[in-house]
C-alpha atoms as a PDB file:
ATOM      1  CA  MET A   1      56.069-132.530  -1.904  1.00  0.00           C
ATOM      2  CA  ASN A   2      54.804-135.031  -4.451  1.00  0.00           C
ATOM      3  CA  GLU A   3      51.255-133.766  -4.036  1.00  0.00           C
ATOM      4  CA  GLY A   4      52.372-130.193  -4.748  1.00  0.00           C
ATOM      5  CA  SER A   5      54.292-131.366  -7.779  1.00  0.00           C
ATOM      6  CA  ASP A   6      51.236-133.229  -9.096  1.00  0.00           C
ATOM      7  CA  VAL A   7      49.089-130.125  -8.697  1.00  0.00           C
ATOM      8  CA  GLU A   8      51.666-128.025 -10.551  1.00  0.00           C
ATOM      9  CA  ASP A   9      51.860-130.588 -13.355  1.00  0.00           C
ATOM     10  CA  ARG A  10      48.076-130.542 -13.722  1.00  0.00           C
ATOM     11  CA  LEU A  11      48.064-126.739 -13.867  1.00  0.00           C
ATOM     12  CA  VAL A  12      50.787-126.718 -16.534  1.00  0.00           C
ATOM     13  CA  ARG A  13      48.944-129.340 -18.595  1.00  0.00           C
ATOM     14  CA  GLY A  14      45.727-127.380 -18.200  1.00  0.00           C
ATOM     15  CA  GLU A  15      47.358-124.159 -19.387  1.00  0.00           C
ATOM     16  CA  LEU A  16      48.958-125.918 -22.347  1.00  0.00           C
ATOM     17  CA  GLY A  17      45.595-127.441 -23.207  1.00  0.00           C
ATOM     18  CA  ARG A  18      43.919-124.034 -23.168  1.00  0.00           C
ATOM     19  CA  ASN A  19      46.668-122.546 -25.317  1.00  0.00           C
ATOM     20  CA  LEU A  20      46.378-125.407 -27.814  1.00  0.00           C
ATOM     21  CA  THR A  21      42.602-125.067 -27.891  1.00  0.00           C
ATOM     22  CA  PHE A  22      42.689-121.319 -28.555  1.00  0.00           C
ATOM     23  CA  GLY A  23      45.502-121.813 -31.071  1.00  0.00           C
ATOM     24  CA  LEU A  24      43.492-124.409 -32.970  1.00  0.00           C
ATOM     25  CA  GLN A  25      40.395-122.234 -32.792  1.00  0.00           C
ATOM     26  CA  GLU A  26      42.406-119.390 -34.325  1.00  0.00           C
ATOM     27  CA  VAL A  27      43.698-121.543 -37.199  1.00  0.00           C
ATOM     28  CA  LEU A  28      40.372-123.187 -38.006  1.00  0.00           C
ATOM     29  CA  GLY A  29      38.294-120.050 -37.467  1.00  0.00           C
ATOM     30  CA  ARG A  30      40.420-117.953 -39.783  1.00  0.00           C
ATOM     31  CA  ALA A  31      40.396-120.712 -42.415  1.00  0.00           C
ATOM     32  CA  ILE A  32      36.594-120.866 -42.290  1.00  0.00           C
ATOM     33  CA  VAL A  33      36.074-117.114 -42.531  1.00  0.00           C
ATOM     34  CA  VAL A  34      38.563-116.455 -45.324  1.00  0.00           C
ATOM     35  CA  GLY A  35      36.886-119.184 -47.363  1.00  0.00           C
ATOM     36  CA  ASP A  36      39.245-122.163 -47.247  1.00  0.00           C
ATOM     37  CA  TYR A  37      36.266-124.507 -46.863  1.00  0.00           C
ATOM     38  CA  ARG A  38      33.994-122.781 -49.334  1.00  0.00           C
ATOM     39  CA  ASP A  39      34.413-125.546 -51.927  1.00  0.00           C
ATOM     40  CA  ARG A  40      35.402-128.482 -49.743  1.00  0.00           C
ATOM     41  CA  PRO A  41      34.016-130.118 -46.623  1.00  0.00           C
ATOM     42  CA  PHE A  42      35.201-129.238 -43.146  1.00  0.00           C
ATOM     43  CA  PRO A  43      37.736-131.859 -41.946  1.00  0.00           C
ATOM     44  CA  THR A  44      36.748-134.674 -39.644  1.00  0.00           C
ATOM     45  CA  GLU A  45      37.924-134.830 -36.046  1.00  0.00           C
ATOM     46  CA  ALA A  46      40.460-137.503 -37.001  1.00  0.00           C
ATOM     47  CA  ASP A  47      41.813-135.369 -39.858  1.00  0.00           C
ATOM     48  CA  ILE A  48      42.215-132.331 -37.572  1.00  0.00           C
ATOM     49  CA  VAL A  49      44.022-134.412 -34.935  1.00  0.00           C
ATOM     50  CA  LYS A  50      46.405-135.777 -37.558  1.00  0.00           C
ATOM     51  CA  GLN A  51      46.990-132.509 -39.417  1.00  0.00           C
ATOM     52  CA  HIS A  52      47.533-130.282 -36.383  1.00  0.00           C
ATOM     53  CA  GLY A  53      49.027-132.773 -33.946  1.00  0.00           C
ATOM     54  CA  VAL A  54      46.523-132.098 -31.173  1.00  0.00           C
ATOM     55  CA  SER A  55      44.406-134.367 -29.014  1.00  0.00           C
ATOM     56  CA  ARG A  56      40.780-135.240 -29.643  1.00  0.00           C
ATOM     57  CA  SER A  57      39.741-133.313 -26.524  1.00  0.00           C
ATOM     58  CA  VAL A  58      41.476-130.160 -27.777  1.00  0.00           C
ATOM     59  CA  THR A  59      39.852-130.616 -31.181  1.00  0.00           C
ATOM     60  CA  ARG A  60      36.385-131.080 -29.721  1.00  0.00           C
ATOM     61  CA  GLU A  61      36.706-128.021 -27.507  1.00  0.00           C
ATOM     62  CA  ALA A  62      37.956-125.825 -30.382  1.00  0.00           C
ATOM     63  CA  VAL A  63      35.120-127.017 -32.633  1.00  0.00           C
ATOM     64  CA  LYS A  64      32.637-126.381 -29.823  1.00  0.00           C
ATOM     65  CA  MET A  65      33.959-122.806 -29.433  1.00  0.00           C
ATOM     66  CA  LEU A  66      33.642-122.188 -33.174  1.00  0.00           C
ATOM     67  CA  GLY A  67      30.110-123.543 -33.008  1.00  0.00           C
ATOM     68  CA  ALA A  68      29.286-120.978 -30.317  1.00  0.00           C
ATOM     69  CA  LYS A  69      30.489-118.265 -32.715  1.00  0.00           C
ATOM     70  CA  GLY A  70      28.011-119.491 -35.323  1.00  0.00           C
ATOM     71  CA  LEU A  71      30.704-120.795 -37.685  1.00  0.00           C
ATOM     72  CA  LEU A  72      30.141-124.546 -37.356  1.00  0.00           C
ATOM     73  CA  SER A  73      27.300-126.944 -36.760  1.00  0.00           C
ATOM     74  CA  ALA A  74      26.934-130.724 -36.722  1.00  0.00           C
ATOM     75  CA  ARG A  75      24.315-133.227 -37.752  1.00  0.00           C
ATOM     76  CA  PRO A  76      24.067-136.880 -36.725  1.00  0.00           C
ATOM     77  CA  LYS A  77      25.840-139.144 -39.237  1.00  0.00           C
ATOM     78  CA  GLN A  78      26.738-136.115 -41.385  1.00  0.00           C
ATOM     79  CA  GLY A  79      29.567-134.680 -39.329  1.00  0.00           C
ATOM     80  CA  THR A  80      30.567-131.063 -38.796  1.00  0.00           C
ATOM     81  CA  PHE A  81      29.943-128.453 -41.478  1.00  0.00           C
ATOM     82  CA  VAL A  82      30.503-124.720 -42.006  1.00  0.00           C
ATOM     83  CA  ARG A  83      27.367-122.657 -41.505  1.00  0.00           C
ATOM     84  CA  PRO A  84      26.343-119.947 -44.006  1.00  0.00           C
ATOM     85  CA  GLN A  85      27.797-116.508 -43.352  1.00  0.00           C
ATOM     86  CA  GLU A  86      24.463-115.028 -42.295  1.00  0.00           C
ATOM     87  CA  ALA A  87      24.570-117.364 -39.277  1.00  0.00           C
ATOM     88  CA  TRP A  88      27.976-116.119 -38.092  1.00  0.00           C
ATOM     89  CA  ASN A  89      28.084-113.931 -34.986  1.00  0.00           C
ATOM     90  CA  LEU A  90      29.439-110.670 -36.397  1.00  0.00           C
ATOM     91  CA  PHE A  91      29.557-109.178 -32.909  1.00  0.00           C
ATOM     92  CA  ASP A  92      32.081-111.796 -31.834  1.00  0.00           C
ATOM     93  CA  THR A  93      35.438-110.025 -31.895  1.00  0.00           C
ATOM     94  CA  ASP A  94      37.294-113.067 -33.280  1.00  0.00           C
ATOM     95  CA  VAL A  95      34.826-113.471 -36.152  1.00  0.00           C
ATOM     96  CA  LEU A  96      34.991-109.753 -36.931  1.00  0.00           C
ATOM     97  CA  ARG A  97      38.798-109.786 -36.851  1.00  0.00           C
ATOM     98  CA  TRP A  98      38.945-112.744 -39.236  1.00  0.00           C
ATOM     99  CA  LEU A  99      36.413-111.115 -41.550  1.00  0.00           C
ATOM    100  CA  LEU A 100      38.534-107.983 -41.717  1.00  0.00           C
ATOM    101  CA  GLU A 101      41.423-110.108 -42.988  1.00  0.00           C
ATOM    102  CA  ARG A 102      39.492-111.097 -46.106  1.00  0.00           C
ATOM    103  CA  LYS A 103      40.051-109.404 -49.439  1.00  0.00           C
ATOM    104  CA  SER A 104      36.492-108.085 -49.318  1.00  0.00           C
ATOM    105  CA  SER A 105      37.136-106.290 -46.015  1.00  0.00           C
ATOM    106  CA  LEU A 106      36.540-102.883 -47.624  1.00  0.00           C
ATOM    107  CA  THR A 107      32.848-103.665 -47.967  1.00  0.00           C
ATOM    108  CA  LEU A 108      32.769-104.865 -44.367  1.00  0.00           C
ATOM    109  CA  LEU A 109      34.436-101.641 -43.202  1.00  0.00           C
ATOM    110  CA  ARG A 110      31.736 -99.652 -44.986  1.00  0.00           C
ATOM    111  CA  ARG A 111      29.008-101.738 -43.355  1.00  0.00           C
ATOM    112  CA  PHE A 112      30.667-101.339 -39.990  1.00  0.00           C
ATOM    113  CA  SER A 113      30.949 -97.569 -40.429  1.00  0.00           C
ATOM    114  CA  GLU A 114      27.228 -97.497 -41.219  1.00  0.00           C
ATOM    115  CA  LEU A 115      26.648 -99.234 -37.894  1.00  0.00           C
ATOM    116  CA  ARG A 116      28.960 -96.800 -36.112  1.00  0.00           C
ATOM    117  CA  ILE A 117      27.114 -93.788 -37.486  1.00  0.00           C
ATOM    118  CA  ALA A 118      23.910 -95.210 -36.014  1.00  0.00           C
ATOM    119  CA  VAL A 119      25.446 -95.889 -32.584  1.00  0.00           C
ATOM    120  CA  GLU A 120      28.305 -93.536 -31.729  1.00  0.00           C
ATOM    121  CA  PRO A 121      26.514 -90.199 -32.285  1.00  0.00           C
ATOM    122  CA  ALA A 122      23.764 -91.426 -29.949  1.00  0.00           C
ATOM    123  CA  ALA A 123      26.429 -92.476 -27.425  1.00  0.00           C
ATOM    124  CA  CYS A 124      27.934 -88.987 -27.638  1.00  0.00           C
ATOM    125  CA  ALA A 125      24.570 -87.388 -26.947  1.00  0.00           C
ATOM    126  CA  LEU A 126      24.097 -89.610 -23.909  1.00  0.00           C
ATOM    127  CA  ALA A 127      27.630 -88.871 -22.707  1.00  0.00           C
ATOM    128  CA  ALA A 128      26.989 -85.124 -22.972  1.00  0.00           C
ATOM    129  CA  HIS A 129      23.931 -85.585 -20.824  1.00  0.00           C
ATOM    130  CA  SER A 130      25.091 -88.105 -18.224  1.00  0.00           C
ATOM    131  CA  ALA A 131      28.878 -88.550 -18.170  1.00  0.00           C
ATOM    132  CA  THR A 132      30.460 -88.363 -14.719  1.00  0.00           C
ATOM    133  CA  PRO A 133      33.454 -86.072 -14.062  1.00  0.00           C
ATOM    134  CA  GLU A 134      35.703 -89.154 -14.130  1.00  0.00           C
ATOM    135  CA  GLN A 135      34.277 -90.258 -17.473  1.00  0.00           C
ATOM    136  CA  LYS A 136      34.717 -86.786 -18.944  1.00  0.00           C
ATOM    137  CA  ALA A 137      38.315 -86.836 -17.717  1.00  0.00           C
ATOM    138  CA  ALA A 138      38.825 -90.138 -19.561  1.00  0.00           C
ATOM    139  CA  ILE A 139      37.530 -88.590 -22.803  1.00  0.00           C
ATOM    140  CA  THR A 140      39.889 -85.655 -22.308  1.00  0.00           C
ATOM    141  CA  ALA A 141      42.751 -88.071 -21.646  1.00  0.00           C
ATOM    142  CA  GLY A 142      41.951 -89.849 -24.911  1.00  0.00           C
ATOM    143  CA  LEU A 143      42.096 -86.570 -26.833  1.00  0.00           C
ATOM    144  CA  GLU A 144      45.349 -85.609 -25.125  1.00  0.00           C
ATOM    145  CA  ARG A 145      46.805 -88.964 -26.123  1.00  0.00           C
ATOM    146  CA  MET A 146      45.807 -88.239 -29.727  1.00  0.00           C
ATOM    147  CA  ARG A 147      47.561 -84.890 -29.524  1.00  0.00           C
ATOM    148  CA  ALA A 148      50.650 -86.582 -28.096  1.00  0.00           C
ATOM    149  CA  ALA A 149      50.516 -89.198 -30.857  1.00  0.00           C
ATOM    150  CA  ASP A 150      50.373 -86.433 -33.447  1.00  0.00           C
ATOM    151  CA  CYS A 151      53.765 -85.350 -32.088  1.00  0.00           C
ATOM    152  CA  GLY A 152      55.129 -88.884 -32.076  1.00  0.00           C
ATOM    153  CA  LYS A 153      54.814 -89.299 -28.302  1.00  0.00           C
ATOM    154  CA  ASP A 154      52.075 -91.945 -28.265  1.00  0.00           C
ATOM    155  CA  ASP A 155      50.641 -94.622 -30.521  1.00  0.00           C
ATOM    156  CA  THR A 156      48.237 -93.079 -33.042  1.00  0.00           C
ATOM    157  CA  LEU A 157      45.978 -96.122 -33.288  1.00  0.00           C
ATOM    158  CA  ASP A 158      45.796 -96.834 -29.552  1.00  0.00           C
ATOM    159  CA  ALA A 159      45.109 -93.185 -28.735  1.00  0.00           C
ATOM    160  CA  ASP A 160      42.287 -92.897 -31.277  1.00  0.00           C
ATOM    161  CA  ILE A 161      40.652 -96.092 -30.024  1.00  0.00           C
ATOM    162  CA  ALA A 162      40.991 -94.962 -26.388  1.00  0.00           C
ATOM    163  CA  PHE A 163      39.078 -91.778 -27.231  1.00  0.00           C
ATOM    164  CA  HIS A 164      36.169 -93.657 -28.793  1.00  0.00           C
ATOM    165  CA  MET A 165      36.092 -96.276 -26.031  1.00  0.00           C
ATOM    166  CA  ALA A 166      35.906 -93.553 -23.365  1.00  0.00           C
ATOM    167  CA  ILE A 167      32.850 -92.066 -25.064  1.00  0.00           C
ATOM    168  CA  LEU A 168      31.033 -95.398 -25.272  1.00  0.00           C
ATOM    169  CA  ARG A 169      31.668 -95.969 -21.557  1.00  0.00           C
ATOM    170  CA  ALA A 170      30.552 -92.408 -20.752  1.00  0.00           C
ATOM    171  CA  SER A 171      27.203 -93.038 -22.422  1.00  0.00           C
ATOM    172  CA  ASN A 172      26.353 -95.057 -19.303  1.00  0.00           C
ATOM    173  CA  ASN A 173      24.222 -97.265 -21.521  1.00  0.00           C
ATOM    174  CA  PRO A 174      25.223-100.901 -20.867  1.00  0.00           C
ATOM    175  CA  PHE A 175      24.457-101.924 -24.447  1.00  0.00           C
ATOM    176  CA  PHE A 176      26.664 -99.208 -25.904  1.00  0.00           C
ATOM    177  CA  SER A 177      29.358 -99.984 -23.334  1.00  0.00           C
ATOM    178  CA  GLN A 178      29.444-103.647 -24.354  1.00  0.00           C
ATOM    179  CA  PHE A 179      29.646-102.572 -27.990  1.00  0.00           C
ATOM    180  CA  ARG A 180      33.097-101.127 -27.296  1.00  0.00           C
ATOM    181  CA  ASP A 181      34.979-104.419 -27.837  1.00  0.00           C
ATOM    182  CA  VAL A 182      33.471-104.741 -31.306  1.00  0.00           C
ATOM    183  CA  VAL A 183      34.281-101.117 -32.091  1.00  0.00           C
ATOM    184  CA  ALA A 184      37.855-101.500 -30.847  1.00  0.00           C
ATOM    185  CA  THR A 185      38.396-104.619 -32.970  1.00  0.00           C
ATOM    186  CA  ALA A 186      37.090-103.041 -36.159  1.00  0.00           C
ATOM    187  CA  LEU A 187      38.840 -99.718 -35.536  1.00  0.00           C
ATOM    188  CA  GLN A 188      42.172-101.551 -35.501  1.00  0.00           C
ATOM    189  CA  THR A 189      41.666-102.050 -39.249  1.00  0.00           C
ATOM    190  CA  SER A 190      39.466 -99.063 -40.054  1.00  0.00           C
ATOM    191  CA  ILE A 191      41.773 -96.410 -38.610  1.00  0.00           C
ATOM    192  CA  ARG A 192      44.851 -97.812 -40.366  1.00  0.00           C
ATOM    193  CA  PHE A 193      42.952 -97.922 -43.644  1.00  0.00           C
ATOM    194  CA  THR A 194      41.369 -94.466 -43.490  1.00  0.00           C
ATOM    195  CA  ASN A 195      44.576 -92.835 -42.250  1.00  0.00           C
ATOM    196  CA  ARG A 196      46.397 -94.346 -45.214  1.00  0.00           C
ATOM    197  CA  LEU A 197      43.715 -93.097 -47.619  1.00  0.00           C
ATOM    198  CA  ALA A 198      43.706 -89.614 -46.105  1.00  0.00           C
ATOM    199  CA  GLY A 199      47.497 -89.498 -45.985  1.00  0.00           C
ATOM    200  CA  ARG A 200      47.425 -88.439 -42.328  1.00  0.00           C
ATOM    201  CA  SER A 201      46.255 -89.518 -38.909  1.00  0.00           C
ATOM    202  CA  ALA A 202      42.758 -88.753 -37.610  1.00  0.00           C
ATOM    203  CA  SER A 203      41.680 -85.109 -37.573  1.00  0.00           C
ATOM    204  CA  LEU A 204      42.348 -83.643 -34.139  1.00  0.00           C
ATOM    205  CA  GLY A 205      39.953 -80.816 -34.904  1.00  0.00           C
ATOM    206  CA  ASP A 206      37.051 -83.196 -35.573  1.00  0.00           C
ATOM    207  CA  HIS A 207      37.744 -85.137 -32.392  1.00  0.00           C
ATOM    208  CA  ALA A 208      38.158 -81.946 -30.378  1.00  0.00           C
ATOM    209  CA  GLU A 209      34.696 -80.807 -31.521  1.00  0.00           C
ATOM    210  CA  VAL A 210      33.219 -84.047 -30.210  1.00  0.00           C
ATOM    211  CA  HIS A 211      35.149 -83.672 -26.956  1.00  0.00           C
ATOM    212  CA  ASP A 212      34.156 -80.039 -26.395  1.00  0.00           C
ATOM    213  CA  ALA A 213      30.472 -80.689 -27.099  1.00  0.00           C
ATOM    214  CA  ILE A 214      30.362 -83.567 -24.619  1.00  0.00           C
ATOM    215  CA  LEU A 215      32.153 -81.637 -21.890  1.00  0.00           C
ATOM    216  CA  SER A 216      29.884 -78.628 -22.358  1.00  0.00           C
ATOM    217  CA  GLY A 217      26.828 -80.847 -22.041  1.00  0.00           C
ATOM    218  CA  ASP A 218      25.538 -80.006 -25.530  1.00  0.00           C
ATOM    219  CA  ASP A 219      24.018 -83.326 -26.575  1.00  0.00           C
ATOM    220  CA  ARG A 220      22.855 -82.056 -29.967  1.00  0.00           C
ATOM    221  CA  ALA A 221      26.272 -80.683 -30.914  1.00  0.00           C
ATOM    222  CA  ALA A 222      27.956 -83.868 -29.644  1.00  0.00           C
ATOM    223  CA  ARG A 223      25.681 -86.034 -31.783  1.00  0.00           C
ATOM    224  CA  GLU A 224      26.272 -83.892 -34.868  1.00  0.00           C
ATOM    225  CA  ALA A 225      30.050 -83.717 -34.376  1.00  0.00           C
ATOM    226  CA  MET A 226      30.450 -87.488 -34.123  1.00  0.00           C
ATOM    227  CA  GLY A 227      28.059 -88.022 -37.025  1.00  0.00           C
ATOM    228  CA  SER A 228      30.157 -85.685 -39.170  1.00  0.00           C
ATOM    229  CA  LEU A 229      33.390 -87.421 -38.119  1.00  0.00           C
ATOM    230  CA  ILE A 230      32.153 -90.883 -39.107  1.00  0.00           C
ATOM    231  CA  ALA A 231      30.493 -89.569 -42.289  1.00  0.00           C
ATOM    232  CA  LYS A 232      33.949 -88.454 -43.452  1.00  0.00           C
ATOM    233  CA  VAL A 233      35.260 -91.979 -42.812  1.00  0.00           C
ATOM    234  CA  LEU A 234      32.381 -93.406 -44.853  1.00  0.00           C
ATOM    235  CA  LYS A 235      33.101 -91.024 -47.702  1.00  0.00           C
ATOM    236  CA  LEU A 236      36.757 -92.086 -47.807  1.00  0.00           C
ATOM    237  CA  ILE A 237      35.799 -95.755 -47.916  1.00  0.00           C
ATOM    238  CA  GLU A 238      33.166 -95.231 -50.613  1.00  0.00           C
ATOM    239  CA  GLN A 239      35.593 -93.206 -52.733  1.00  0.00           C
ATOM    240  CA  SER A 240      38.156 -95.995 -52.413  1.00  0.00           C
ATOM    241  CA  GLN A 241      35.589 -98.619 -53.419  1.00  0.00           C
ATOM    242  CA  GLY A 242      34.811 -96.612 -56.519  1.00  0.00           C
ATOM    243  CA  LYS A 243      38.449 -96.875 -57.605  1.00  0.00           C
ATOM    244  CA  ILE A 244      38.610-100.685 -57.252  1.00  0.00           C
END
């Protein structure tokens, strides 16, 4: 009985430790990315422990995780410091999410859309050529969810993201497939922003063109349809930047 209780206590402490570590990573990571340490040094381990009320082991693990994301580094006798932005891992979904919270996120959305227009049309062409029946059904399901959302029967953002994720999976290219987490993270912000600018949710007609081209196996039309869809997003963002 006591042995079982000890095991349970260790599991609870372990879970709490993980939660504290990820919580501290979230606080420190966001502070780094939004620029809180732009003009002042990153706090010492002792300062973090005191300020956030966590243990040294939690602090070390959180700092180690942020180091793996390219945000922090350490030098002997110099302590831990924030790395320049060009060293940050922009494909890490936490880093990307924190970046999108900055005031300059409009520029980042434009850069991200430029990346999308290089990747997603190619993924569509591959999907038109090699998607399985199950993968095509998933793309159709995503479009149907968008139609349901347009009638208030589903979540607009989730449905739109599901459509794009299904296409990346259907490309059957492992690199494009792994890109989907980055796309999903950025689309959380991008779709809200562009829908607000356009005064409506995403165009069902544009998405239906992509869907129909993929299902008919027309890789050229699929590539062009997705390219046109993202080009419209880019235009909205660029027009908005011109007004700022």
